[in-house]
Amino acid sequence: TIAWELIAQYEYPYDVLPHIGEFIVKLGESLPADRFEKRG
């Protein structure tokens, strides 16, 4: 998963849930423009 960096920070899966949104924003800004496009 593209999100393993986030999941690996926590021991249990329920501790990951509050951080999904902020992780997406941070990761999204670093995604390569030749493979991803930002919409909205």
PDB file of all heavy atoms in Angstrom:
ATOM      1  N   THR A   1       0.842  -1.181   0.000  1.00  0.00           N
ATOM      2  CA  THR A   1       0.000   0.000   0.000  1.00  0.00           C
ATOM      3  C   THR A   1       0.880   1.234   0.000  1.00  0.00           C
ATOM      4  O   THR A   1       1.959   1.244   0.613  1.00  0.00           O
ATOM      5  CB  THR A   1      -0.940   0.050   1.216  1.00  0.00           C
ATOM      6  OG1 THR A   1      -1.564   1.340   1.288  1.00  0.00           O
ATOM      7  CG2 THR A   1      -0.201  -0.214   2.517  1.00  0.00           C
ATOM      8  N   ILE A   2       0.424   2.257  -0.660  1.00  0.00           N
ATOM      9  CA  ILE A   2       1.125   3.536  -0.679  1.00  0.00           C
ATOM     10  C   ILE A   2       1.159   4.165   0.710  1.00  0.00           C
ATOM     11  O   ILE A   2       1.934   5.082   0.986  1.00  0.00           O
ATOM     12  CB  ILE A   2       0.448   4.474  -1.715  1.00  0.00           C
ATOM     13  CG1 ILE A   2       1.383   5.602  -2.123  1.00  0.00           C
ATOM     14  CG2 ILE A   2      -0.874   5.010  -1.188  1.00  0.00           C
ATOM     15  CD1 ILE A   2       0.845   6.411  -3.290  1.00  0.00           C
ATOM     16  N   ALA A   3       0.316   3.638   1.609  1.00  0.00           N
ATOM     17  CA  ALA A   3       0.187   4.202   2.953  1.00  0.00           C
ATOM     18  C   ALA A   3       0.975   3.437   4.013  1.00  0.00           C
ATOM     19  O   ALA A   3       0.790   3.689   5.208  1.00  0.00           O
ATOM     20  CB  ALA A   3      -1.284   4.237   3.359  1.00  0.00           C
ATOM     21  N   TRP A   4       1.853   2.511   3.607  1.00  0.00           N
ATOM     22  CA  TRP A   4       2.546   1.719   4.620  1.00  0.00           C
ATOM     23  C   TRP A   4       3.422   2.576   5.535  1.00  0.00           C
ATOM     24  O   TRP A   4       3.589   2.273   6.718  1.00  0.00           O
ATOM     25  CB  TRP A   4       3.386   0.615   3.979  1.00  0.00           C
ATOM     26  CG  TRP A   4       3.961  -0.274   5.050  1.00  0.00           C
ATOM     27  CD1 TRP A   4       5.260  -0.348   5.465  1.00  0.00           C
ATOM     28  CD2 TRP A   4       3.223  -1.173   5.886  1.00  0.00           C
ATOM     29  NE1 TRP A   4       5.382  -1.238   6.501  1.00  0.00           N
ATOM     30  CE2 TRP A   4       4.142  -1.762   6.781  1.00  0.00           C
ATOM     31  CE3 TRP A   4       1.879  -1.537   5.957  1.00  0.00           C
ATOM     32  CZ2 TRP A   4       3.754  -2.692   7.745  1.00  0.00           C
ATOM     33  CZ3 TRP A   4       1.493  -2.472   6.911  1.00  0.00           C
ATOM     34  CH2 TRP A   4       2.417  -3.030   7.796  1.00  0.00           C
ATOM     35  N   GLU A   5       3.967   3.656   5.017  1.00  0.00           N
ATOM     36  CA  GLU A   5       4.770   4.556   5.850  1.00  0.00           C
ATOM     37  C   GLU A   5       3.956   5.052   7.045  1.00  0.00           C
ATOM     38  O   GLU A   5       4.480   5.185   8.165  1.00  0.00           O
ATOM     39  CB  GLU A   5       5.255   5.741   5.015  1.00  0.00           C
ATOM     40  CG  GLU A   5       6.066   6.765   5.794  1.00  0.00           C
ATOM     41  CD  GLU A   5       6.434   7.981   4.967  1.00  0.00           C
ATOM     42  OE1 GLU A   5       6.269   7.951   3.739  1.00  0.00           O
ATOM     43  OE2 GLU A   5       6.892   8.967   5.571  1.00  0.00           O
ATOM     44  N   LEU A   6       2.673   5.333   6.820  1.00  0.00           N
ATOM     45  CA  LEU A   6       1.792   5.756   7.904  1.00  0.00           C
ATOM     46  C   LEU A   6       1.503   4.598   8.851  1.00  0.00           C
ATOM     47  O   LEU A   6       1.638   4.724  10.076  1.00  0.00           O
ATOM     48  CB  LEU A   6       0.480   6.307   7.335  1.00  0.00           C
ATOM     49  CG  LEU A   6      -0.644   6.550   8.347  1.00  0.00           C
ATOM     50  CD1 LEU A   6      -0.260   7.654   9.322  1.00  0.00           C
ATOM     51  CD2 LEU A   6      -1.950   6.877   7.636  1.00  0.00           C
ATOM     52  N   ILE A   7       1.096   3.467   8.302  1.00  0.00           N
ATOM     53  CA  ILE A   7       0.703   2.322   9.126  1.00  0.00           C
ATOM     54  C   ILE A   7       1.856   1.850  10.007  1.00  0.00           C
ATOM     55  O   ILE A   7       1.663   1.497  11.173  1.00  0.00           O
ATOM     56  CB  ILE A   7       0.190   1.181   8.223  1.00  0.00           C
ATOM     57  CG1 ILE A   7      -1.085   1.632   7.498  1.00  0.00           C
ATOM     58  CG2 ILE A   7      -0.065  -0.092   9.018  1.00  0.00           C
ATOM     59  CD1 ILE A   7      -1.525   0.700   6.390  1.00  0.00           C
ATOM     60  N   ALA A   8       3.065   1.877   9.466  1.00  0.00           N
ATOM     61  CA  ALA A   8       4.235   1.380  10.188  1.00  0.00           C
ATOM     62  C   ALA A   8       4.582   2.232  11.410  1.00  0.00           C
ATOM     63  O   ALA A   8       5.332   1.781  12.293  1.00  0.00           O
ATOM     64  CB  ALA A   8       5.432   1.312   9.244  1.00  0.00           C
ATOM     65  N   GLN A   9       4.036   3.435  11.486  1.00  0.00           N
ATOM     66  CA  GLN A   9       4.312   4.294  12.635  1.00  0.00           C
ATOM     67  C   GLN A   9       3.561   3.861  13.889  1.00  0.00           C
ATOM     68  O   GLN A   9       3.891   4.295  14.999  1.00  0.00           O
ATOM     69  CB  GLN A   9       3.925   5.743  12.311  1.00  0.00           C
ATOM     70  CG  GLN A   9       4.738   6.393  11.221  1.00  0.00           C
ATOM     71  CD  GLN A   9       4.253   7.797  10.925  1.00  0.00           C
ATOM     72  OE1 GLN A   9       3.915   8.557  11.828  1.00  0.00           O
ATOM     73  NE2 GLN A   9       4.227   8.151   9.653  1.00  0.00           N
ATOM     74  N   TYR A  10       2.555   3.003  13.724  1.00  0.00           N
ATOM     75  CA  TYR A  10       1.677   2.650  14.834  1.00  0.00           C
ATOM     76  C   TYR A  10       1.639   1.143  15.038  1.00  0.00           C
ATOM     77  O   TYR A  10       1.727   0.365  14.087  1.00  0.00           O
ATOM     78  CB  TYR A  10       0.262   3.189  14.576  1.00  0.00           C
ATOM     79  CG  TYR A  10       0.247   4.684  14.415  1.00  0.00           C
ATOM     80  CD1 TYR A  10       0.312   5.260  13.154  1.00  0.00           C
ATOM     81  CD2 TYR A  10       0.225   5.523  15.526  1.00  0.00           C
ATOM     82  CE1 TYR A  10       0.339   6.640  13.001  1.00  0.00           C
ATOM     83  CE2 TYR A  10       0.254   6.897  15.384  1.00  0.00           C
ATOM     84  CZ  TYR A  10       0.308   7.459  14.122  1.00  0.00           C
ATOM     85  OH  TYR A  10       0.344   8.816  13.980  1.00  0.00           O
ATOM     86  N   GLU A  11       1.459   0.740  16.285  1.00  0.00           N
ATOM     87  CA  GLU A  11       1.445  -0.692  16.590  1.00  0.00           C
ATOM     88  C   GLU A  11       0.113  -1.332  16.213  1.00  0.00           C
ATOM     89  O   GLU A  11       0.069  -2.456  15.731  1.00  0.00           O
ATOM     90  CB  GLU A  11       1.719  -0.915  18.074  1.00  0.00           C
ATOM     91  CG  GLU A  11       1.871  -2.380  18.445  1.00  0.00           C
ATOM     92  CD  GLU A  11       2.335  -2.581  19.872  1.00  0.00           C
ATOM     93  OE1 GLU A  11       2.353  -1.592  20.644  1.00  0.00           O
ATOM     94  OE2 GLU A  11       2.667  -3.725  20.229  1.00  0.00           O
ATOM     95  N   TYR A  12      -0.984  -0.580  16.413  1.00  0.00           N
ATOM     96  CA  TYR A  12      -2.313  -1.145  16.203  1.00  0.00           C
ATOM     97  C   TYR A  12      -3.073  -0.384  15.117  1.00  0.00           C
ATOM     98  O   TYR A  12      -2.912   0.831  14.980  1.00  0.00           O
ATOM     99  CB  TYR A  12      -3.110  -1.110  17.507  1.00  0.00           C
ATOM    100  CG  TYR A  12      -2.492  -1.964  18.591  1.00  0.00           C
ATOM    101  CD1 TYR A  12      -1.774  -1.380  19.637  1.00  0.00           C
ATOM    102  CD2 TYR A  12      -2.600  -3.350  18.560  1.00  0.00           C
ATOM    103  CE1 TYR A  12      -1.193  -2.161  20.624  1.00  0.00           C
ATOM    104  CE2 TYR A  12      -2.026  -4.140  19.547  1.00  0.00           C
ATOM    105  CZ  TYR A  12      -1.322  -3.537  20.572  1.00  0.00           C
ATOM    106  OH  TYR A  12      -0.737  -4.323  21.535  1.00  0.00           O
ATOM    107  N   PRO A  13      -3.921  -1.067  14.360  1.00  0.00           N
ATOM    108  CA  PRO A  13      -4.599  -0.413  13.230  1.00  0.00           C
ATOM    109  C   PRO A  13      -5.541   0.707  13.631  1.00  0.00           C
ATOM    110  O   PRO A  13      -5.679   1.693  12.895  1.00  0.00           O
ATOM    111  CB  PRO A  13      -5.348  -1.565  12.549  1.00  0.00           C
ATOM    112  CG  PRO A  13      -5.422  -2.652  13.562  1.00  0.00           C
ATOM    113  CD  PRO A  13      -4.210  -2.514  14.408  1.00  0.00           C
ATOM    114  N   TYR A  14      -6.179   0.588  14.793  1.00  0.00           N
ATOM    115  CA  TYR A  14      -7.118   1.638  15.190  1.00  0.00           C
ATOM    116  C   TYR A  14      -6.417   2.961  15.478  1.00  0.00           C
ATOM    117  O   TYR A  14      -7.034   4.025  15.417  1.00  0.00           O
ATOM    118  CB  TYR A  14      -7.984   1.194  16.369  1.00  0.00           C
ATOM    119  CG  TYR A  14      -7.236   0.529  17.502  1.00  0.00           C
ATOM    120  CD1 TYR A  14      -6.572   1.267  18.472  1.00  0.00           C
ATOM    121  CD2 TYR A  14      -7.210  -0.859  17.604  1.00  0.00           C
ATOM    122  CE1 TYR A  14      -5.891   0.653  19.511  1.00  0.00           C
ATOM    123  CE2 TYR A  14      -6.547  -1.490  18.649  1.00  0.00           C
ATOM    124  CZ  TYR A  14      -5.886  -0.731  19.600  1.00  0.00           C
ATOM    125  OH  TYR A  14      -5.214  -1.359  20.625  1.00  0.00           O
ATOM    126  N   ASP A  15      -5.117   2.904  15.785  1.00  0.00           N
ATOM    127  CA  ASP A  15      -4.374   4.148  16.007  1.00  0.00           C
ATOM    128  C   ASP A  15      -4.028   4.868  14.705  1.00  0.00           C
ATOM    129  O   ASP A  15      -3.650   6.048  14.726  1.00  0.00           O
ATOM    130  CB  ASP A  15      -3.092   3.858  16.788  1.00  0.00           C
ATOM    131  CG  ASP A  15      -3.359   3.440  18.223  1.00  0.00           C
ATOM    132  OD1 ASP A  15      -4.349   3.926  18.800  1.00  0.00           O
ATOM    133  OD2 ASP A  15      -2.603   2.610  18.762  1.00  0.00           O
ATOM    134  N   VAL A  16      -4.149   4.164  13.587  1.00  0.00           N
ATOM    135  CA  VAL A  16      -3.877   4.772  12.278  1.00  0.00           C
ATOM    136  C   VAL A  16      -5.034   5.666  11.839  1.00  0.00           C
ATOM    137  O   VAL A  16      -4.826   6.697  11.179  1.00  0.00           O
ATOM    138  CB  VAL A  16      -3.638   3.666  11.226  1.00  0.00           C
ATOM    139  CG1 VAL A  16      -3.449   4.266   9.833  1.00  0.00           C
ATOM    140  CG2 VAL A  16      -2.441   2.799  11.605  1.00  0.00           C
ATOM    141  N   LEU A  17      -6.245   5.299  12.205  1.00  0.00           N
ATOM    142  CA  LEU A  17      -7.451   5.923  11.646  1.00  0.00           C
ATOM    143  C   LEU A  17      -7.507   7.444  11.773  1.00  0.00           C
ATOM    144  O   LEU A  17      -7.911   8.116  10.823  1.00  0.00           O
ATOM    145  CB  LEU A  17      -8.699   5.288  12.269  1.00  0.00           C
ATOM    146  CG  LEU A  17      -8.892   3.793  11.989  1.00  0.00           C
ATOM    147  CD1 LEU A  17     -10.082   3.248  12.787  1.00  0.00           C
ATOM    148  CD2 LEU A  17      -9.096   3.545  10.495  1.00  0.00           C
ATOM    149  N   PRO A  18      -7.108   8.046  12.894  1.00  0.00           N
ATOM    150  CA  PRO A  18      -7.241   9.509  12.995  1.00  0.00           C
ATOM    151  C   PRO A  18      -6.280  10.292  12.097  1.00  0.00           C
ATOM    152  O   PRO A  18      -6.427  11.508  11.956  1.00  0.00           O
ATOM    153  CB  PRO A  18      -6.917   9.793  14.479  1.00  0.00           C
ATOM    154  CG  PRO A  18      -6.978   8.490  15.178  1.00  0.00           C
ATOM    155  CD  PRO A  18      -6.626   7.456  14.158  1.00  0.00           C
ATOM    156  N   HIS A  19      -5.319   9.610  11.491  1.00  0.00           N
ATOM    157  CA  HIS A  19      -4.245  10.307  10.781  1.00  0.00           C
ATOM    158  C   HIS A  19      -4.297  10.143   9.261  1.00  0.00           C
ATOM    159  O   HIS A  19      -3.416  10.628   8.561  1.00  0.00           O
ATOM    160  CB  HIS A  19      -2.897   9.806  11.298  1.00  0.00           C
ATOM    161  CG  HIS A  19      -2.761   9.885  12.788  1.00  0.00           C
ATOM    162  ND1 HIS A  19      -2.619  11.083  13.459  1.00  0.00           N
ATOM    163  CD2 HIS A  19      -2.794   8.906  13.742  1.00  0.00           C
ATOM    164  CE1 HIS A  19      -2.549  10.853  14.769  1.00  0.00           C
ATOM    165  NE2 HIS A  19      -2.644   9.541  14.962  1.00  0.00           N
ATOM    166  N   ILE A  20      -5.318   9.471   8.763  1.00  0.00           N
ATOM    167  CA  ILE A  20      -5.373   9.184   7.326  1.00  0.00           C
ATOM    168  C   ILE A  20      -5.459  10.469   6.504  1.00  0.00           C
ATOM    169  O   ILE A  20      -4.744  10.643   5.509  1.00  0.00           O
ATOM    170  CB  ILE A  20      -6.549   8.242   7.001  1.00  0.00           C
ATOM    171  CG1 ILE A  20      -6.309   6.870   7.660  1.00  0.00           C
ATOM    172  CG2 ILE A  20      -6.719   8.088   5.489  1.00  0.00           C
ATOM    173  CD1 ILE A  20      -7.475   5.909   7.502  1.00  0.00           C
ATOM    174  N   GLY A  21      -6.320  11.365   6.898  1.00  0.00           N
ATOM    175  CA  GLY A  21      -6.520  12.591   6.129  1.00  0.00           C
ATOM    176  C   GLY A  21      -5.266  13.429   6.009  1.00  0.00           C
ATOM    177  O   GLY A  21      -4.874  13.851   4.909  1.00  0.00           O
ATOM    178  N   GLU A  22      -4.609  13.692   7.124  1.00  0.00           N
ATOM    179  CA  GLU A  22      -3.403  14.518   7.082  1.00  0.00           C
ATOM    180  C   GLU A  22      -2.283  13.827   6.309  1.00  0.00           C
ATOM    181  O   GLU A  22      -1.487  14.487   5.620  1.00  0.00           O
ATOM    182  CB  GLU A  22      -2.951  14.862   8.499  1.00  0.00           C
ATOM    183  CG  GLU A  22      -2.612  13.671   9.362  1.00  0.00           C
ATOM    184  CD  GLU A  22      -2.275  14.064  10.791  1.00  0.00           C
ATOM    185  OE1 GLU A  22      -1.621  15.111  10.991  1.00  0.00           O
ATOM    186  OE2 GLU A  22      -2.654  13.319  11.721  1.00  0.00           O
ATOM    187  N   PHE A  23      -2.222  12.499   6.400  1.00  0.00           N
ATOM    188  CA  PHE A  23      -1.210  11.767   5.644  1.00  0.00           C
ATOM    189  C   PHE A  23      -1.450  11.912   4.145  1.00  0.00           C
ATOM    190  O   PHE A  23      -0.493  12.088   3.367  1.00  0.00           O
ATOM    191  CB  PHE A  23      -1.238  10.287   6.032  1.00  0.00           C
ATOM    192  CG  PHE A  23      -0.307   9.433   5.210  1.00  0.00           C
ATOM    193  CD1 PHE A  23       1.052   9.419   5.478  1.00  0.00           C
ATOM    194  CD2 PHE A  23      -0.790   8.658   4.158  1.00  0.00           C
ATOM    195  CE1 PHE A  23       1.924   8.637   4.714  1.00  0.00           C
ATOM    196  CE2 PHE A  23       0.064   7.876   3.400  1.00  0.00           C
ATOM    197  CZ  PHE A  23       1.421   7.868   3.672  1.00  0.00           C
ATOM    198  N   ILE A  24      -2.702  11.837   3.719  1.00  0.00           N
ATOM    199  CA  ILE A  24      -3.016  11.978   2.298  1.00  0.00           C
ATOM    200  C   ILE A  24      -2.553  13.335   1.769  1.00  0.00           C
ATOM    201  O   ILE A  24      -1.951  13.422   0.692  1.00  0.00           O
ATOM    202  CB  ILE A  24      -4.530  11.800   2.066  1.00  0.00           C
ATOM    203  CG1 ILE A  24      -4.938  10.345   2.301  1.00  0.00           C
ATOM    204  CG2 ILE A  24      -4.923  12.230   0.646  1.00  0.00           C
ATOM    205  CD1 ILE A  24      -6.434  10.116   2.278  1.00  0.00           C
ATOM    206  N   VAL A  25      -2.842  14.383   2.497  1.00  0.00           N
ATOM    207  CA  VAL A  25      -2.465  15.727   2.051  1.00  0.00           C
ATOM    208  C   VAL A  25      -0.946  15.847   1.921  1.00  0.00           C
ATOM    209  O   VAL A  25      -0.422  16.372   0.929  1.00  0.00           O
ATOM    210  CB  VAL A  25      -3.011  16.788   3.013  1.00  0.00           C
ATOM    211  CG1 VAL A  25      -2.489  18.177   2.641  1.00  0.00           C
ATOM    212  CG2 VAL A  25      -4.544  16.775   2.998  1.00  0.00           C
ATOM    213  N   LYS A  26      -0.235  15.335   2.908  1.00  0.00           N
ATOM    214  CA  LYS A  26       1.226  15.392   2.873  1.00  0.00           C
ATOM    215  C   LYS A  26       1.788  14.567   1.721  1.00  0.00           C
ATOM    216  O   LYS A  26       2.660  15.035   0.972  1.00  0.00           O
ATOM    217  CB  LYS A  26       1.793  14.898   4.200  1.00  0.00           C
ATOM    218  CG  LYS A  26       3.310  14.928   4.273  1.00  0.00           C
ATOM    219  CD  LYS A  26       3.808  14.426   5.624  1.00  0.00           C
ATOM    220  CE  LYS A  26       5.324  14.408   5.683  1.00  0.00           C
ATOM    221  NZ  LYS A  26       5.827  13.891   6.986  1.00  0.00           N
ATOM    222  N   LEU A  27       1.290  13.333   1.571  1.00  0.00           N
ATOM    223  CA  LEU A  27       1.792  12.461   0.509  1.00  0.00           C
ATOM    224  C   LEU A  27       1.399  12.982  -0.868  1.00  0.00           C
ATOM    225  O   LEU A  27       2.191  12.953  -1.819  1.00  0.00           O
ATOM    226  CB  LEU A  27       1.261  11.047   0.703  1.00  0.00           C
ATOM    227  CG  LEU A  27       1.650  10.022  -0.368  1.00  0.00           C
ATOM    228  CD1 LEU A  27       3.166   9.836  -0.413  1.00  0.00           C
ATOM    229  CD2 LEU A  27       0.956   8.684  -0.106  1.00  0.00           C
ATOM    230  N   GLY A  28       0.183  13.464  -0.981  1.00  0.00           N
ATOM    231  CA  GLY A  28      -0.312  13.923  -2.276  1.00  0.00           C
ATOM    232  C   GLY A  28       0.542  14.990  -2.908  1.00  0.00           C
ATOM    233  O   GLY A  28       0.789  14.988  -4.119  1.00  0.00           O
ATOM    234  N   GLU A  29       1.028  15.902  -2.084  1.00  0.00           N
ATOM    235  CA  GLU A  29       1.850  16.990  -2.607  1.00  0.00           C
ATOM    236  C   GLU A  29       3.176  16.495  -3.171  1.00  0.00           C
ATOM    237  O   GLU A  29       3.823  17.188  -3.957  1.00  0.00           O
ATOM    238  CB  GLU A  29       2.109  18.021  -1.498  1.00  0.00           C
ATOM    239  CG  GLU A  29       0.859  18.713  -0.974  1.00  0.00           C
ATOM    240  CD  GLU A  29       0.194  19.626  -2.004  1.00  0.00           C
ATOM    241  OE1 GLU A  29       0.788  19.853  -3.081  1.00  0.00           O
ATOM    242  OE2 GLU A  29      -0.915  20.120  -1.715  1.00  0.00           O
ATOM    243  N   SER A  30       3.590  15.289  -2.795  1.00  0.00           N
ATOM    244  CA  SER A  30       4.870  14.761  -3.261  1.00  0.00           C
ATOM    245  C   SER A  30       4.720  13.756  -4.406  1.00  0.00           C
ATOM    246  O   SER A  30       5.727  13.267  -4.926  1.00  0.00           O
ATOM    247  CB  SER A  30       5.596  14.076  -2.096  1.00  0.00           C
ATOM    248  OG  SER A  30       4.920  12.889  -1.701  1.00  0.00           O
ATOM    249  N   LEU A  31       3.497  13.450  -4.807  1.00  0.00           N
ATOM    250  CA  LEU A  31       3.294  12.468  -5.875  1.00  0.00           C
ATOM    251  C   LEU A  31       3.780  13.031  -7.208  1.00  0.00           C
ATOM    252  O   LEU A  31       3.564  14.214  -7.510  1.00  0.00           O
ATOM    253  CB  LEU A  31       1.824  12.080  -5.966  1.00  0.00           C
ATOM    254  CG  LEU A  31       1.271  11.293  -4.767  1.00  0.00           C
ATOM    255  CD1 LEU A  31      -0.246  11.110  -4.893  1.00  0.00           C
ATOM    256  CD2 LEU A  31       1.962   9.935  -4.640  1.00  0.00           C
ATOM    257  N   PRO A  32       4.415  12.204  -8.039  1.00  0.00           N
ATOM    258  CA  PRO A  32       4.992  12.699  -9.298  1.00  0.00           C
ATOM    259  C   PRO A  32       3.917  13.168 -10.282  1.00  0.00           C
ATOM    260  O   PRO A  32       2.936  12.458 -10.537  1.00  0.00           O
ATOM    261  CB  PRO A  32       5.747  11.484  -9.846  1.00  0.00           C
ATOM    262  CG  PRO A  32       5.139  10.302  -9.166  1.00  0.00           C
ATOM    263  CD  PRO A  32       4.692  10.766  -7.823  1.00  0.00           C
ATOM    264  N   ALA A  33       4.106  14.346 -10.833  1.00  0.00           N
ATOM    265  CA  ALA A  33       3.118  14.950 -11.730  1.00  0.00           C
ATOM    266  C   ALA A  33       2.978  14.193 -13.041  1.00  0.00           C
ATOM    267  O   ALA A  33       1.952  14.322 -13.720  1.00  0.00           O
ATOM    268  CB  ALA A  33       3.488  16.408 -12.002  1.00  0.00           C
ATOM    269  N   ASP A  34       3.978  13.406 -13.412  1.00  0.00           N
ATOM    270  CA  ASP A  34       3.871  12.654 -14.653  1.00  0.00           C
ATOM    271  C   ASP A  34       3.004  11.398 -14.494  1.00  0.00           C
ATOM    272  O   ASP A  34       2.607  10.795 -15.481  1.00  0.00           O
ATOM    273  CB  ASP A  34       5.251  12.258 -15.174  1.00  0.00           C
ATOM    274  CG  ASP A  34       6.015  11.370 -14.203  1.00  0.00           C
ATOM    275  OD1 ASP A  34       5.784  11.497 -12.975  1.00  0.00           O
ATOM    276  OD2 ASP A  34       6.838  10.549 -14.661  1.00  0.00           O
ATOM    277  N   ARG A  35       2.655  11.048 -13.254  1.00  0.00           N
ATOM    278  CA  ARG A  35       1.845   9.853 -13.015  1.00  0.00           C
ATOM    279  C   ARG A  35       0.527  10.150 -12.301  1.00  0.00           C
ATOM    280  O   ARG A  35      -0.391   9.331 -12.326  1.00  0.00           O
ATOM    281  CB  ARG A  35       2.642   8.831 -12.198  1.00  0.00           C
ATOM    282  CG  ARG A  35       3.788   8.206 -12.989  1.00  0.00           C
ATOM    283  CD  ARG A  35       4.826   7.575 -12.083  1.00  0.00           C
ATOM    284  NE  ARG A  35       4.248   6.741 -11.041  1.00  0.00           N
ATOM    285  CZ  ARG A  35       4.869   6.432  -9.902  1.00  0.00           C
ATOM    286  NH1 ARG A  35       6.076   6.914  -9.669  1.00  0.00           N
ATOM    287  NH2 ARG A  35       4.284   5.658  -9.020  1.00  0.00           N
ATOM    288  N   PHE A  36       0.445  11.311 -11.648  1.00  0.00           N
ATOM    289  CA  PHE A  36      -0.756  11.687 -10.910  1.00  0.00           C
ATOM    290  C   PHE A  36      -1.172  13.099 -11.293  1.00  0.00           C
ATOM    291  O   PHE A  36      -0.341  13.950 -11.588  1.00  0.00           O
ATOM    292  CB  PHE A  36      -0.511  11.642  -9.396  1.00  0.00           C
ATOM    293  CG  PHE A  36      -0.378  10.263  -8.828  1.00  0.00           C
ATOM    294  CD1 PHE A  36       0.831   9.585  -8.895  1.00  0.00           C
ATOM    295  CD2 PHE A  36      -1.464   9.636  -8.224  1.00  0.00           C
ATOM    296  CE1 PHE A  36       0.970   8.314  -8.365  1.00  0.00           C
ATOM    297  CE2 PHE A  36      -1.343   8.363  -7.690  1.00  0.00           C
ATOM    298  CZ  PHE A  36      -0.126   7.700  -7.760  1.00  0.00           C
ATOM    299  N   GLU A  37      -2.477  13.326 -11.265  1.00  0.00           N
ATOM    300  CA  GLU A  37      -2.967  14.685 -11.435  1.00  0.00           C
ATOM    301  C   GLU A  37      -3.857  15.056 -10.252  1.00  0.00           C
ATOM    302  O   GLU A  37      -4.552  14.203  -9.687  1.00  0.00           O
ATOM    303  CB  GLU A  37      -3.748  14.831 -12.741  1.00  0.00           C
ATOM    304  CG  GLU A  37      -4.989  13.967 -12.874  1.00  0.00           C
ATOM    305  CD  GLU A  37      -5.733  14.273 -14.165  1.00  0.00           C
ATOM    306  OE1 GLU A  37      -5.914  15.458 -14.474  1.00  0.00           O
ATOM    307  OE2 GLU A  37      -6.129  13.309 -14.851  1.00  0.00           O
ATOM    308  N   LYS A  38      -3.806  16.328  -9.892  1.00  0.00           N
ATOM    309  CA  LYS A  38      -4.607  16.812  -8.781  1.00  0.00           C
ATOM    310  C   LYS A  38      -5.915  17.373  -9.321  1.00  0.00           C
ATOM    311  O   LYS A  38      -5.936  18.175 -10.254  1.00  0.00           O
ATOM    312  CB  LYS A  38      -3.856  17.888  -8.002  1.00  0.00           C
ATOM    313  CG  LYS A  38      -4.569  18.317  -6.724  1.00  0.00           C
ATOM    314  CD  LYS A  38      -3.742  19.324  -5.937  1.00  0.00           C
ATOM    315  CE  LYS A  38      -4.464  19.705  -4.649  1.00  0.00           C
ATOM    316  NZ  LYS A  38      -3.693  20.713  -3.873  1.00  0.00           N
ATOM    317  N   ARG A  39      -7.007  16.911  -8.724  1.00  0.00           N
ATOM    318  CA  ARG A  39      -8.328  17.385  -9.133  1.00  0.00           C
ATOM    319  C   ARG A  39      -9.041  17.950  -7.904  1.00  0.00           C
ATOM    320  O   ARG A  39      -9.230  17.254  -6.908  1.00  0.00           O
ATOM    321  CB  ARG A  39      -9.167  16.256  -9.723  1.00  0.00           C
ATOM    322  CG  ARG A  39      -8.579  15.603 -10.959  1.00  0.00           C
ATOM    323  CD  ARG A  39      -9.535  14.562 -11.511  1.00  0.00           C
ATOM    324  NE  ARG A  39      -8.920  13.744 -12.554  1.00  0.00           N
ATOM    325  CZ  ARG A  39      -9.522  12.726 -13.147  1.00  0.00           C
ATOM    326  NH1 ARG A  39     -10.765  12.392 -12.798  1.00  0.00           N
ATOM    327  NH2 ARG A  39      -8.896  12.025 -14.082  1.00  0.00           N
ATOM    328  N   GLY A  40      -9.467  19.175  -7.980  1.00  0.00           N
ATOM    329  CA  GLY A  40     -10.181  19.763  -6.852  1.00  0.00           C
ATOM    330  C   GLY A  40      -9.291  19.912  -5.642  1.00  0.00           C
ATOM    331  O   GLY A  40      -8.060  19.990  -5.737  1.00  0.00           O
TER     332      GLY A  40
END
